[in-house]
Amino acid sequence: MKQVREFCTKIAWIEGGKLKEYGELDEVLPKYEKFLSGFKKRSKKEQKQFREELDASRFEVK
């Protein structure tokens, strides 16, 4: 994140291949860091479930 802060003024938060948020670094980065901190506190099982749900929302199974 140090390099992002050093070189960027705007940032795009992309989650699951979708644009979750875009804007000024000072507005978006704290939200992403809060999400990341919360995600890391989840159990491995909860992290896996989150990823599976994200994958399911990205792909259409026929």
Protein backbone atom coordinates (compact mmCIF):
# COMPACT_ATOMS: atom_id res chain seq x y z
CA MET A 1 0.00 0.00 0.00
CA LYS A 2 2.98 2.31 0.48
CA GLN A 3 3.56 2.49 -3.27
CA VAL A 4 -0.12 3.11 -3.95
CA ARG A 5 -0.10 6.02 -1.49
CA GLU A 6 3.11 7.37 -2.98
CA PHE A 7 2.18 7.27 -6.66
CA CYS A 8 -1.64 7.41 -6.90
CA THR A 9 -4.32 10.02 -6.35
CA LYS A 10 -7.23 7.86 -7.50
CA ILE A 11 -7.85 4.19 -6.94
CA ALA A 12 -10.15 1.44 -8.21
CA TRP A 13 -11.24 -1.32 -5.83
CA ILE A 14 -12.06 -4.34 -7.94
CA GLU A 15 -13.59 -7.33 -6.23
CA GLY A 16 -14.57 -10.49 -8.04
CA GLY A 17 -13.92 -8.85 -11.38
CA LYS A 18 -16.41 -6.07 -10.62
CA LEU A 19 -15.70 -2.45 -9.80
CA LYS A 20 -16.67 -2.09 -6.16
CA GLU A 21 -15.53 1.50 -5.75
CA TYR A 22 -13.54 4.15 -7.57
CA GLY A 23 -12.44 7.55 -6.40
CA GLU A 24 -9.94 9.61 -4.49
CA LEU A 25 -7.26 7.59 -2.74
CA ASP A 26 -8.08 9.13 0.64
CA GLU A 27 -11.73 8.06 0.32
CA VAL A 28 -11.44 4.56 -1.12
CA LEU A 29 -8.25 3.15 0.40
CA PRO A 30 -9.41 3.36 4.05
CA LYS A 31 -12.57 1.43 3.12
CA TYR A 32 -10.51 -1.25 1.38
CA GLU A 33 -8.09 -1.49 4.29
CA LYS A 34 -11.01 -1.86 6.72
CA PHE A 35 -12.46 -4.64 4.56
CA LEU A 36 -9.07 -6.36 4.32
CA SER A 37 -8.52 -6.16 8.07
CA GLY A 38 -11.94 -7.70 8.72
CA PHE A 39 -11.36 -10.38 6.11
CA LYS A 40 -8.06 -11.41 7.70
CA LYS A 41 -9.79 -11.76 11.07
CA ARG A 42 -12.23 -14.31 9.64
CA SER A 43 -11.55 -17.99 10.04
CA LYS A 44 -10.13 -19.90 7.08
CA LYS A 45 -13.55 -21.49 6.63
CA GLU A 46 -15.25 -18.07 6.52
CA GLN A 47 -12.65 -16.76 4.08
CA LYS A 48 -13.21 -19.76 1.83
CA GLN A 49 -16.99 -19.29 2.00
CA PHE A 50 -16.62 -15.61 1.06
CA ARG A 51 -14.49 -16.52 -1.96
CA GLU A 52 -16.91 -19.25 -3.04
CA GLU A 53 -19.84 -16.85 -2.82
CA LEU A 54 -17.88 -14.27 -4.78
CA ASP A 55 -17.05 -16.86 -7.45
CA ALA A 56 -20.69 -17.94 -7.62
CA SER A 57 -21.75 -14.35 -8.24
CA ARG A 58 -19.24 -14.02 -11.08
CA PHE A 59 -20.04 -17.13 -13.06
CA GLU A 60 -23.27 -18.37 -14.54
CA VAL A 61 -23.58 -22.15 -14.48
CA LYS A 62 -25.69 -23.61 -17.29
